[in-house]
Amino acid sequence: MYSASVVMMVGTPLALGSYWARLATAAALVLLVIRTLDEEKMLSTELAGYRGYMQQVRYRLVPLAW
């Protein structure tokens, strides 16, 4: 779900040709990264087996990058 959101957030300003939308997208991406890290921290402490899952799945949002 988050990966699809990233694609949509990046693609919309490009399709519209809006520089202002690119600034909003950059801010939204920073907030998404912060939310992802916070959510991952919560899941690793409260959900049994999530640490094992984190070791198996190396990438969070962007395959082969992050």
PDB file of N, CA and C in Angstrom:
ATOM      1  N   MET A   1       0.830  -1.182   0.000  1.00  0.00           N
ATOM      2  CA  MET A   1       0.000   0.000   0.000  1.00  0.00           C
ATOM      3  C   MET A   1       0.883   1.257   0.000  1.00  0.00           C
ATOM      4  N   TYR A   2       1.906   1.252   0.845  1.00  0.00           N
ATOM      5  CA  TYR A   2       2.777   2.422   0.898  1.00  0.00           C
ATOM      6  C   TYR A   2       3.550   2.593  -0.406  1.00  0.00           C
ATOM      7  N   SER A   3       3.978   1.493  -1.009  1.00  0.00           N
ATOM      8  CA  SER A   3       4.711   1.593  -2.274  1.00  0.00           C
ATOM      9  C   SER A   3       3.838   2.201  -3.362  1.00  0.00           C
ATOM     10  N   ALA A   4       2.590   1.796  -3.415  1.00  0.00           N
ATOM     11  CA  ALA A   4       1.666   2.372  -4.405  1.00  0.00           C
ATOM     12  C   ALA A   4       1.448   3.856  -4.138  1.00  0.00           C
ATOM     13  N   SER A   5       1.398   4.236  -2.870  1.00  0.00           N
ATOM     14  CA  SER A   5       1.251   5.653  -2.522  1.00  0.00           C
ATOM     15  C   SER A   5       2.448   6.459  -2.998  1.00  0.00           C
ATOM     16  N   VAL A   6       3.629   5.903  -2.861  1.00  0.00           N
ATOM     17  CA  VAL A   6       4.840   6.596  -3.310  1.00  0.00           C
ATOM     18  C   VAL A   6       4.787   6.806  -4.823  1.00  0.00           C
ATOM     19  N   VAL A   7       4.401   5.772  -5.561  1.00  0.00           N
ATOM     20  CA  VAL A   7       4.309   5.892  -7.020  1.00  0.00           C
ATOM     21  C   VAL A   7       3.300   6.975  -7.388  1.00  0.00           C
ATOM     22  N   MET A   8       2.160   6.983  -6.717  1.00  0.00           N
ATOM     23  CA  MET A   8       1.137   7.981  -7.014  1.00  0.00           C
ATOM     24  C   MET A   8       1.610   9.391  -6.653  1.00  0.00           C
ATOM     25  N   MET A   9       2.253   9.525  -5.478  1.00  0.00           N
ATOM     26  CA  MET A   9       2.713  10.844  -5.054  1.00  0.00           C
ATOM     27  C   MET A   9       3.782  11.406  -5.990  1.00  0.00           C
ATOM     28  N   VAL A  10       4.636  10.558  -6.495  1.00  0.00           N
ATOM     29  CA  VAL A  10       5.691  11.021  -7.398  1.00  0.00           C
ATOM     30  C   VAL A  10       5.131  11.282  -8.801  1.00  0.00           C
ATOM     31  N   GLY A  11       4.220  10.450  -9.242  1.00  0.00           N
ATOM     32  CA  GLY A  11       3.686  10.568 -10.589  1.00  0.00           C
ATOM     33  C   GLY A  11       2.739  11.732 -10.808  1.00  0.00           C
ATOM     34  N   THR A  12       1.964  12.094  -9.793  1.00  0.00           N
ATOM     35  CA  THR A  12       0.971  13.152  -9.951  1.00  0.00           C
ATOM     36  C   THR A  12       1.598  14.510 -10.289  1.00  0.00           C
ATOM     37  N   PRO A  13       2.601  14.987  -9.559  1.00  0.00           N
ATOM     38  CA  PRO A  13       3.205  16.274  -9.936  1.00  0.00           C
ATOM     39  C   PRO A  13       3.864  16.242 -11.312  1.00  0.00           C
ATOM     40  N   LEU A  14       4.410  15.084 -11.674  1.00  0.00           N
ATOM     41  CA  LEU A  14       5.016  14.974 -13.004  1.00  0.00           C
ATOM     42  C   LEU A  14       3.947  15.073 -14.089  1.00  0.00           C
ATOM     43  N   ALA A  15       2.809  14.429 -13.852  1.00  0.00           N
ATOM     44  CA  ALA A  15       1.723  14.479 -14.829  1.00  0.00           C
ATOM     45  C   ALA A  15       1.131  15.881 -14.936  1.00  0.00           C
ATOM     46  N   LEU A  16       1.065  16.591 -13.811  1.00  0.00           N
ATOM     47  CA  LEU A  16       0.494  17.932 -13.798  1.00  0.00           C
ATOM     48  C   LEU A  16       1.497  19.002 -14.210  1.00  0.00           C
ATOM     49  N   GLY A  17       2.781  18.688 -14.117  1.00  0.00           N
ATOM     50  CA  GLY A  17       3.811  19.669 -14.429  1.00  0.00           C
ATOM     51  C   GLY A  17       3.855  20.798 -13.421  1.00  0.00           C
ATOM     52  N   SER A  18       3.570  20.483 -12.174  1.00  0.00           N
ATOM     53  CA  SER A  18       3.478  21.498 -11.132  1.00  0.00           C
ATOM     54  C   SER A  18       4.693  21.448 -10.207  1.00  0.00           C
ATOM     55  N   TYR A  19       5.406  22.575 -10.145  1.00  0.00           N
ATOM     56  CA  TYR A  19       6.537  22.654  -9.221  1.00  0.00           C
ATOM     57  C   TYR A  19       6.075  22.708  -7.773  1.00  0.00           C
ATOM     58  N   TRP A  20       4.945  23.337  -7.504  1.00  0.00           N
ATOM     59  CA  TRP A  20       4.425  23.414  -6.135  1.00  0.00           C
ATOM     60  C   TRP A  20       4.024  22.025  -5.632  1.00  0.00           C
ATOM     61  N   ALA A  21       3.465  21.235  -6.503  1.00  0.00           N
ATOM     62  CA  ALA A  21       3.081  19.875  -6.124  1.00  0.00           C
ATOM     63  C   ALA A  21       4.315  19.023  -5.826  1.00  0.00           C
ATOM     64  N   ARG A  22       5.418  19.314  -6.493  1.00  0.00           N
ATOM     65  CA  ARG A  22       6.659  18.587  -6.200  1.00  0.00           C
ATOM     66  C   ARG A  22       7.159  18.887  -4.795  1.00  0.00           C
ATOM     67  N   LEU A  23       7.014  20.124  -4.349  1.00  0.00           N
ATOM     68  CA  LEU A  23       7.403  20.470  -2.977  1.00  0.00           C
ATOM     69  C   LEU A  23       6.519  19.749  -1.966  1.00  0.00           C
ATOM     70  N   ALA A  24       5.228  19.724  -2.233  1.00  0.00           N
ATOM     71  CA  ALA A  24       4.306  19.017  -1.337  1.00  0.00           C
ATOM     72  C   ALA A  24       4.605  17.523  -1.323  1.00  0.00           C
ATOM     73  N   THR A  25       4.971  16.985  -2.472  1.00  0.00           N
ATOM     74  CA  THR A  25       5.316  15.567  -2.554  1.00  0.00           C
ATOM     75  C   THR A  25       6.564  15.260  -1.739  1.00  0.00           C
ATOM     76  N   ALA A  26       7.551  16.122  -1.808  1.00  0.00           N
ATOM     77  CA  ALA A  26       8.772  15.915  -1.028  1.00  0.00           C
ATOM     78  C   ALA A  26       8.463  15.894   0.461  1.00  0.00           C
ATOM     79  N   ALA A  27       7.619  16.816   0.910  1.00  0.00           N
ATOM     80  CA  ALA A  27       7.231  16.840   2.324  1.00  0.00           C
ATOM     81  C   ALA A  27       6.449  15.589   2.692  1.00  0.00           C
ATOM     82  N   ALA A  28       5.547  15.165   1.829  1.00  0.00           N
ATOM     83  CA  ALA A  28       4.749  13.972   2.097  1.00  0.00           C
ATOM     84  C   ALA A  28       5.627  12.723   2.152  1.00  0.00           C
ATOM     85  N   LEU A  29       6.641  12.659   1.303  1.00  0.00           N
ATOM     86  CA  LEU A  29       7.544  11.505   1.323  1.00  0.00           C
ATOM     87  C   LEU A  29       8.353  11.444   2.612  1.00  0.00           C
ATOM     88  N   VAL A  30       8.784  12.603   3.101  1.00  0.00           N
ATOM     89  CA  VAL A  30       9.506  12.638   4.375  1.00  0.00           C
ATOM     90  C   VAL A  30       8.597  12.156   5.500  1.00  0.00           C
ATOM     91  N   LEU A  31       7.363  12.620   5.508  1.00  0.00           N
ATOM     92  CA  LEU A  31       6.416  12.177   6.538  1.00  0.00           C
ATOM     93  C   LEU A  31       6.114  10.685   6.431  1.00  0.00           C
ATOM     94  N   LEU A  32       6.054  10.159   5.224  1.00  0.00           N
ATOM     95  CA  LEU A  32       5.805   8.737   5.029  1.00  0.00           C
ATOM     96  C   LEU A  32       6.962   7.895   5.560  1.00  0.00           C
ATOM     97  N   VAL A  33       8.174   8.358   5.348  1.00  0.00           N
ATOM     98  CA  VAL A  33       9.346   7.646   5.870  1.00  0.00           C
ATOM     99  C   VAL A  33       9.326   7.653   7.395  1.00  0.00           C
ATOM    100  N   ILE A  34       9.028   8.803   7.986  1.00  0.00           N
ATOM    101  CA  ILE A  34       8.960   8.898   9.446  1.00  0.00           C
ATOM    102  C   ILE A  34       7.874   7.971   9.984  1.00  0.00           C
ATOM    103  N   ARG A  35       6.716   7.972   9.336  1.00  0.00           N
ATOM    104  CA  ARG A  35       5.613   7.104   9.768  1.00  0.00           C
ATOM    105  C   ARG A  35       5.995   5.633   9.645  1.00  0.00           C
ATOM    106  N   THR A  36       6.660   5.273   8.552  1.00  0.00           N
ATOM    107  CA  THR A  36       7.063   3.884   8.340  1.00  0.00           C
ATOM    108  C   THR A  36       8.029   3.421   9.419  1.00  0.00           C
ATOM    109  N   LEU A  37       9.003   4.248   9.749  1.00  0.00           N
ATOM    110  CA  LEU A  37       9.971   3.892  10.783  1.00  0.00           C
ATOM    111  C   LEU A  37       9.305   3.769  12.145  1.00  0.00           C
ATOM    112  N   ASP A  38       8.388   4.682  12.453  1.00  0.00           N
ATOM    113  CA  ASP A  38       7.672   4.629  13.723  1.00  0.00           C
ATOM    114  C   ASP A  38       6.782   3.393  13.797  1.00  0.00           C
ATOM    115  N   GLU A  39       6.095   3.096  12.716  1.00  0.00           N
ATOM    116  CA  GLU A  39       5.222   1.925  12.680  1.00  0.00           C
ATOM    117  C   GLU A  39       6.029   0.633  12.817  1.00  0.00           C
ATOM    118  N   GLU A  40       7.166   0.586  12.162  1.00  0.00           N
ATOM    119  CA  GLU A  40       8.020  -0.587  12.246  1.00  0.00           C
ATOM    120  C   GLU A  40       8.553  -0.791  13.664  1.00  0.00           C
ATOM    121  N   LYS A  41       8.890   0.290  14.326  1.00  0.00           N
ATOM    122  CA  LYS A  41       9.358   0.209  15.715  1.00  0.00           C
ATOM    123  C   LYS A  41       8.258  -0.339  16.621  1.00  0.00           C
ATOM    124  N   MET A  42       7.034   0.158  16.448  1.00  0.00           N
ATOM    125  CA  MET A  42       5.911  -0.306  17.251  1.00  0.00           C
ATOM    126  C   MET A  42       5.621  -1.785  16.988  1.00  0.00           C
ATOM    127  N   LEU A  43       5.625  -2.176  15.724  1.00  0.00           N
ATOM    128  CA  LEU A  43       5.336  -3.572  15.390  1.00  0.00           C
ATOM    129  C   LEU A  43       6.398  -4.509  15.940  1.00  0.00           C
ATOM    130  N   SER A  44       7.651  -4.107  15.926  1.00  0.00           N
ATOM    131  CA  SER A  44       8.715  -4.982  16.419  1.00  0.00           C
ATOM    132  C   SER A  44       8.629  -5.188  17.925  1.00  0.00           C
ATOM    133  N   THR A  45       8.056  -4.232  18.646  1.00  0.00           N
ATOM    134  CA  THR A  45       7.928  -4.407  20.097  1.00  0.00           C
ATOM    135  C   THR A  45       6.619  -5.074  20.497  1.00  0.00           C
ATOM    136  N   GLU A  46       5.555  -4.891  19.722  1.00  0.00           N
ATOM    137  CA  GLU A  46       4.247  -5.377  20.142  1.00  0.00           C
ATOM    138  C   GLU A  46       3.742  -6.611  19.397  1.00  0.00           C
ATOM    139  N   LEU A  47       4.333  -6.952  18.276  1.00  0.00           N
ATOM    140  CA  LEU A  47       3.828  -8.065  17.475  1.00  0.00           C
ATOM    141  C   LEU A  47       4.830  -9.210  17.496  1.00  0.00           C
ATOM    142  N   ALA A  48       4.402 -10.324  18.043  1.00  0.00           N
ATOM    143  CA  ALA A  48       5.280 -11.492  18.119  1.00  0.00           C
ATOM    144  C   ALA A  48       5.648 -11.958  16.717  1.00  0.00           C
ATOM    145  N   GLY A  49       6.920 -12.218  16.495  1.00  0.00           N
ATOM    146  CA  GLY A  49       7.380 -12.716  15.210  1.00  0.00           C
ATOM    147  C   GLY A  49       7.748 -11.641  14.202  1.00  0.00           C
ATOM    148  N   TYR A  50       7.512 -10.392  14.534  1.00  0.00           N
ATOM    149  CA  TYR A  50       7.804  -9.339  13.563  1.00  0.00           C
ATOM    150  C   TYR A  50       9.309  -9.133  13.372  1.00  0.00           C
ATOM    151  N   ARG A  51      10.077  -9.342  14.405  1.00  0.00           N
ATOM    152  CA  ARG A  51      11.544  -9.205  14.260  1.00  0.00           C
ATOM    153  C   ARG A  51      12.078 -10.233  13.265  1.00  0.00           C
ATOM    154  N   GLY A  52      11.556 -11.443  13.304  1.00  0.00           N
ATOM    155  CA  GLY A  52      11.947 -12.467  12.332  1.00  0.00           C
ATOM    156  C   GLY A  52      11.549 -12.068  10.922  1.00  0.00           C
ATOM    157  N   TYR A  53      10.369 -11.484  10.802  1.00  0.00           N
ATOM    158  CA  TYR A  53       9.904 -10.998   9.499  1.00  0.00           C
ATOM    159  C   TYR A  53      10.828  -9.904   8.969  1.00  0.00           C
ATOM    160  N   MET A  54      11.262  -9.012   9.864  1.00  0.00           N
ATOM    161  CA  MET A  54      12.160  -7.928   9.460  1.00  0.00           C
ATOM    162  C   MET A  54      13.483  -8.478   8.941  1.00  0.00           C
ATOM    163  N   GLN A  55      13.934  -9.587   9.512  1.00  0.00           N
ATOM    164  CA  GLN A  55      15.193 -10.178   9.051  1.00  0.00           C
ATOM    165  C   GLN A  55      15.039 -10.831   7.686  1.00  0.00           C
ATOM    166  N   GLN A  56      13.842 -11.342   7.375  1.00  0.00           N
ATOM    167  CA  GLN A  56      13.611 -11.982   6.083  1.00  0.00           C
ATOM    168  C   GLN A  56      13.364 -10.952   4.980  1.00  0.00           C
ATOM    169  N   VAL A  57      12.655  -9.891   5.299  1.00  0.00           N
ATOM    170  CA  VAL A  57      12.301  -8.872   4.318  1.00  0.00           C
ATOM    171  C   VAL A  57      13.244  -7.692   4.511  1.00  0.00           C
ATOM    172  N   ARG A  58      14.104  -7.478   3.540  1.00  0.00           N
ATOM    173  CA  ARG A  58      15.155  -6.477   3.706  1.00  0.00           C
ATOM    174  C   ARG A  58      14.705  -5.060   3.361  1.00  0.00           C
ATOM    175  N   TYR A  59      13.768  -4.910   2.454  1.00  0.00           N
ATOM    176  CA  TYR A  59      13.409  -3.586   1.960  1.00  0.00           C
ATOM    177  C   TYR A  59      12.021  -3.190   2.440  1.00  0.00           C
ATOM    178  N   ARG A  60      11.843  -1.908   2.736  1.00  0.00           N
ATOM    179  CA  ARG A  60      10.582  -1.429   3.269  1.00  0.00           C
ATOM    180  C   ARG A  60       9.637  -0.974   2.170  1.00  0.00           C
ATOM    181  N   LEU A  61      10.040   0.022   1.409  1.00  0.00           N
ATOM    182  CA  LEU A  61       9.143   0.611   0.406  1.00  0.00           C
ATOM    183  C   LEU A  61       9.629   0.423  -1.027  1.00  0.00           C
ATOM    184  N   VAL A  62      10.902   0.612  -1.250  1.00  0.00           N
ATOM    185  CA  VAL A  62      11.442   0.588  -2.609  1.00  0.00           C
ATOM    186  C   VAL A  62      12.349  -0.636  -2.751  1.00  0.00           C
ATOM    187  N   PRO A  63      11.958  -1.614  -3.575  1.00  0.00           N
ATOM    188  CA  PRO A  63      12.791  -2.809  -3.737  1.00  0.00           C
ATOM    189  C   PRO A  63      14.209  -2.453  -4.185  1.00  0.00           C
ATOM    190  N   LEU A  64      15.166  -3.116  -3.576  1.00  0.00           N
ATOM    191  CA  LEU A  64      16.598  -2.955  -3.851  1.00  0.00           C
ATOM    192  C   LEU A  64      17.156  -1.597  -3.463  1.00  0.00           C
ATOM    193  N   ALA A  65      16.367  -0.763  -2.769  1.00  0.00           N
ATOM    194  CA  ALA A  65      16.862   0.555  -2.348  1.00  0.00           C
ATOM    195  C   ALA A  65      16.636   0.796  -0.863  1.00  0.00           C
ATOM    196  N   TRP A  66      15.367   0.719  -0.401  1.00  0.00           N
ATOM    197  CA  TRP A  66      15.064   0.969   1.008  1.00  0.00           C
ATOM    198  C   TRP A  66      13.816   0.254   1.411  1.00  0.00           C
TER     199      TRP A  66
END
